Amino acid sequence: MDAAIGEAMKQMEEKNYTALLQAKGCKPVLKYGIACHKKKCRVVMQELL
């Protein structure tokens, strides 16, 4: 699951999904990486100031 979350966070960086929010002055911007497998789920949050 850690690898899947890492890939989700990496994709957000590569595709610059937060750029529009930041350009409009939104602060803070929260990014979430979520991975699920069967009945287990892991969430990682990163705050951009």
N, C-alpha and C. Protein backbone atom coordinates (compact mmCIF):
# COMPACT_ATOMS: atom_id res chain seq x y z
N MET A 1 0.82 -1.18 0.00
CA MET A 1 0.00 0.00 0.00
C MET A 1 0.87 1.26 0.00
N ASP A 2 2.02 1.19 0.64
CA ASP A 2 2.90 2.36 0.66
C ASP A 2 3.34 2.75 -0.75
N ALA A 3 3.61 1.75 -1.58
CA ALA A 3 4.02 2.03 -2.96
C ALA A 3 2.89 2.70 -3.74
N ALA A 4 1.66 2.25 -3.54
CA ALA A 4 0.52 2.84 -4.23
C ALA A 4 0.30 4.28 -3.81
N ILE A 5 0.46 4.56 -2.52
CA ILE A 5 0.33 5.93 -2.05
C ILE A 5 1.44 6.80 -2.62
N GLY A 6 2.64 6.26 -2.66
CA GLY A 6 3.76 7.00 -3.26
C GLY A 6 3.49 7.34 -4.70
N GLU A 7 2.92 6.41 -5.45
CA GLU A 7 2.58 6.66 -6.85
C GLU A 7 1.50 7.74 -6.97
N ALA A 8 0.52 7.72 -6.08
CA ALA A 8 -0.55 8.73 -6.10
C ALA A 8 0.03 10.12 -5.84
N MET A 9 0.89 10.23 -4.86
CA MET A 9 1.50 11.52 -4.54
C MET A 9 2.41 11.99 -5.68
N LYS A 10 3.14 11.05 -6.28
CA LYS A 10 4.02 11.37 -7.39
C LYS A 10 3.22 11.89 -8.59
N GLN A 11 2.08 11.25 -8.87
CA GLN A 11 1.23 11.67 -9.98
C GLN A 11 0.71 13.08 -9.76
N MET A 12 0.33 13.41 -8.53
CA MET A 12 -0.14 14.77 -8.24
C MET A 12 0.95 15.80 -8.52
N GLU A 13 2.20 15.45 -8.20
CA GLU A 13 3.31 16.36 -8.47
C GLU A 13 3.58 16.48 -9.97
N GLU A 14 3.64 15.34 -10.66
CA GLU A 14 3.95 15.35 -12.09
C GLU A 14 2.91 16.10 -12.91
N LYS A 15 1.64 15.92 -12.56
CA LYS A 15 0.56 16.55 -13.32
C LYS A 15 0.16 17.92 -12.76
N ASN A 16 0.83 18.31 -11.67
CA ASN A 16 0.66 19.63 -11.08
C ASN A 16 -0.81 19.96 -10.82
N TYR A 17 -1.51 19.03 -10.21
CA TYR A 17 -2.95 19.19 -9.95
C TYR A 17 -3.27 20.37 -9.04
N THR A 18 -2.35 20.80 -8.23
CA THR A 18 -2.64 21.87 -7.27
C THR A 18 -2.33 23.26 -7.81
N ALA A 19 -1.76 23.37 -8.99
CA ALA A 19 -1.31 24.67 -9.53
C ALA A 19 -2.44 25.69 -9.61
N LEU A 20 -3.60 25.30 -10.11
CA LEU A 20 -4.70 26.24 -10.26
C LEU A 20 -5.17 26.75 -8.90
N LEU A 21 -5.27 25.86 -7.92
CA LEU A 21 -5.68 26.28 -6.58
C LEU A 21 -4.68 27.26 -5.97
N GLN A 22 -3.40 26.96 -6.13
CA GLN A 22 -2.37 27.82 -5.58
C GLN A 22 -2.34 29.16 -6.31
N ALA A 23 -2.54 29.15 -7.62
CA ALA A 23 -2.56 30.39 -8.41
C ALA A 23 -3.71 31.30 -7.99
N LYS A 24 -4.82 30.71 -7.56
CA LYS A 24 -5.97 31.48 -7.13
C LYS A 24 -5.86 31.91 -5.67
N GLY A 25 -4.74 31.57 -5.03
CA GLY A 25 -4.49 32.01 -3.67
C GLY A 25 -5.06 31.11 -2.58
N CYS A 26 -5.48 29.92 -2.92
CA CYS A 26 -6.01 28.99 -1.92
C CYS A 26 -4.86 28.51 -1.03
N LYS A 27 -5.03 28.69 0.27
CA LYS A 27 -4.02 28.25 1.23
C LYS A 27 -4.73 27.82 2.49
N PRO A 28 -4.36 26.74 3.07
CA PRO A 28 -3.45 25.73 2.53
C PRO A 28 -4.17 24.83 1.54
N VAL A 29 -3.41 24.15 0.72
CA VAL A 29 -3.92 23.13 -0.19
C VAL A 29 -3.54 21.78 0.42
N LEU A 30 -4.50 20.90 0.54
CA LEU A 30 -4.25 19.57 1.11
C LEU A 30 -4.26 18.53 0.01
N LYS A 31 -3.25 17.69 -0.01
CA LYS A 31 -3.19 16.58 -0.97
C LYS A 31 -3.33 15.29 -0.18
N TYR A 32 -4.15 14.38 -0.69
CA TYR A 32 -4.36 13.08 -0.04
C TYR A 32 -3.98 11.96 -0.98
N GLY A 33 -3.20 11.02 -0.49
CA GLY A 33 -2.91 9.78 -1.20
C GLY A 33 -3.65 8.67 -0.47
N ILE A 34 -4.46 7.92 -1.20
CA ILE A 34 -5.30 6.89 -0.58
C ILE A 34 -5.07 5.56 -1.28
N ALA A 35 -4.86 4.52 -0.48
CA ALA A 35 -4.71 3.17 -1.03
C ALA A 35 -5.59 2.23 -0.22
N CYS A 36 -6.30 1.37 -0.92
CA CYS A 36 -7.18 0.38 -0.27
C CYS A 36 -6.86 -1.01 -0.80
N HIS A 37 -6.91 -1.97 0.09
CA HIS A 37 -6.73 -3.37 -0.29
C HIS A 37 -7.61 -4.21 0.63
N LYS A 38 -8.58 -4.86 0.03
CA LYS A 38 -9.56 -5.64 0.78
C LYS A 38 -10.20 -4.76 1.85
N LYS A 39 -10.04 -5.07 3.13
CA LYS A 39 -10.67 -4.28 4.18
C LYS A 39 -9.71 -3.29 4.84
N LYS A 40 -8.54 -3.14 4.27
CA LYS A 40 -7.56 -2.21 4.83
C LYS A 40 -7.46 -0.97 3.95
N CYS A 41 -7.26 0.16 4.60
CA CYS A 41 -7.14 1.42 3.88
C CYS A 41 -6.06 2.25 4.56
N ARG A 42 -5.29 2.94 3.75
CA ARG A 42 -4.25 3.83 4.30
C ARG A 42 -4.37 5.18 3.59
N VAL A 43 -4.29 6.25 4.37
CA VAL A 43 -4.40 7.61 3.85
C VAL A 43 -3.20 8.40 4.31
N VAL A 44 -2.59 9.15 3.38
CA VAL A 44 -1.49 10.04 3.70
C VAL A 44 -1.90 11.43 3.23
N MET A 45 -1.68 12.44 4.09
CA MET A 45 -2.04 13.80 3.77
C MET A 45 -0.79 14.66 3.76
N GLN A 46 -0.72 15.57 2.78
CA GLN A 46 0.39 16.51 2.71
C GLN A 46 -0.22 17.89 2.56
N GLU A 47 0.24 18.82 3.37
CA GLU A 47 -0.27 20.19 3.35
C GLU A 47 0.71 21.08 2.61
N LEU A 48 0.21 21.84 1.65
CA LEU A 48 1.03 22.81 0.92
C LEU A 48 0.66 24.19 1.42
N LEU A 49 1.62 24.91 1.93
CA LEU A 49 1.34 26.25 2.44
C LEU A 49 1.58 27.29 1.40
